Amino acid sequence: MTANEDRQFPDALAAAMAVRMECIGEDGVDFEPYECFLSADETTDWFRAWTGNT
């Protein structure tokens, strides 16, 4: 298996992510989960963007 081959959530996490909430937080933060994990390359790009660390 390669690092990007199996990106499905474990069953318990998939079940938790399937629950939709009417209102999420009072601070305006929106939470929109993905259907599976991002690839390693995509995750790396996001971490670099969030932290400013190349």
C-alpha atoms as a PDB file:
ATOM      1  CA  MET A   1       0.000   0.000   0.000  1.00  0.00           C
ATOM      2  CA  THR A   2       1.306   3.465  -0.832  1.00  0.00           C
ATOM      3  CA  ALA A   3       0.974   6.500   1.412  1.00  0.00           C
ATOM      4  CA  ASN A   4      -1.892   7.867  -0.686  1.00  0.00           C
ATOM      5  CA  GLU A   5      -3.698   4.615  -1.411  1.00  0.00           C
ATOM      6  CA  ASP A   6      -6.085   4.229   1.546  1.00  0.00           C
ATOM      7  CA  ARG A   7      -7.401   7.565   2.764  1.00  0.00           C
ATOM      8  CA  GLN A   8     -10.784   6.424   4.098  1.00  0.00           C
ATOM      9  CA  PHE A   9     -11.729   7.366   7.639  1.00  0.00           C
ATOM     10  CA  PRO A  10     -11.969   4.569  10.235  1.00  0.00           C
ATOM     11  CA  ASP A  11     -15.609   3.508  10.762  1.00  0.00           C
ATOM     12  CA  ALA A  12     -16.070   5.347  14.078  1.00  0.00           C
ATOM     13  CA  LEU A  13     -14.646   8.599  12.700  1.00  0.00           C
ATOM     14  CA  ALA A  14     -16.733   8.323   9.525  1.00  0.00           C
ATOM     15  CA  ALA A  15     -19.869   7.870  11.651  1.00  0.00           C
ATOM     16  CA  ALA A  16     -19.013  10.919  13.780  1.00  0.00           C
ATOM     17  CA  MET A  17     -18.289  13.032  10.715  1.00  0.00           C
ATOM     18  CA  ALA A  18     -21.643  12.049   9.181  1.00  0.00           C
ATOM     19  CA  VAL A  19     -23.548  13.836  11.967  1.00  0.00           C
ATOM     20  CA  ARG A  20     -24.523  17.311  10.798  1.00  0.00           C
ATOM     21  CA  MET A  21     -25.087  20.118  13.268  1.00  0.00           C
ATOM     22  CA  GLU A  22     -27.546  22.967  12.854  1.00  0.00           C
ATOM     23  CA  CYS A  23     -25.273  25.559  14.454  1.00  0.00           C
ATOM     24  CA  ILE A  24     -21.557  25.258  14.978  1.00  0.00           C
ATOM     25  CA  GLY A  25     -20.118  27.628  17.530  1.00  0.00           C
ATOM     26  CA  GLU A  26     -20.981  31.224  18.225  1.00  0.00           C
ATOM     27  CA  ASP A  27     -17.715  32.605  16.897  1.00  0.00           C
ATOM     28  CA  GLY A  28     -18.618  32.112  13.246  1.00  0.00           C
ATOM     29  CA  VAL A  29     -16.277  29.170  12.719  1.00  0.00           C
ATOM     30  CA  ASP A  30     -17.639  26.813  10.112  1.00  0.00           C
ATOM     31  CA  PHE A  31     -16.713  23.143  10.110  1.00  0.00           C
ATOM     32  CA  GLU A  32     -17.070  21.327   6.800  1.00  0.00           C
ATOM     33  CA  PRO A  33     -15.433  17.907   6.944  1.00  0.00           C
ATOM     34  CA  TYR A  34     -14.006  16.121   3.937  1.00  0.00           C
ATOM     35  CA  GLU A  35     -15.232  12.640   2.997  1.00  0.00           C
ATOM     36  CA  CYS A  36     -11.759  11.128   3.406  1.00  0.00           C
ATOM     37  CA  PHE A  37      -8.244  12.076   4.442  1.00  0.00           C
ATOM     38  CA  LEU A  38      -6.310  14.314   2.079  1.00  0.00           C
ATOM     39  CA  SER A  39      -3.286  12.915   0.300  1.00  0.00           C
ATOM     40  CA  ALA A  40       0.082  13.328   2.021  1.00  0.00           C
ATOM     41  CA  ASP A  41       1.049  16.011  -0.502  1.00  0.00           C
ATOM     42  CA  GLU A  42      -2.156  17.987   0.058  1.00  0.00           C
ATOM     43  CA  THR A  43      -1.778  17.730   3.840  1.00  0.00           C
ATOM     44  CA  THR A  44       1.809  18.947   3.614  1.00  0.00           C
ATOM     45  CA  ASP A  45       0.723  21.920   1.505  1.00  0.00           C
ATOM     46  CA  TRP A  46      -2.000  22.843   4.044  1.00  0.00           C
ATOM     47  CA  PHE A  47       0.366  22.608   7.033  1.00  0.00           C
ATOM     48  CA  ARG A  48       2.907  24.798   5.235  1.00  0.00           C
ATOM     49  CA  ALA A  49       0.216  27.348   4.362  1.00  0.00           C
ATOM     50  CA  TRP A  50      -1.145  27.448   7.939  1.00  0.00           C
ATOM     51  CA  THR A  51       2.230  27.710   9.636  1.00  0.00           C
ATOM     52  CA  GLY A  52       4.221  29.677   7.080  1.00  0.00           C
ATOM     53  CA  ASN A  53       6.930  27.058   7.535  1.00  0.00           C
ATOM     54  CA  THR A  54       8.407  25.662   4.323  1.00  0.00           C
END
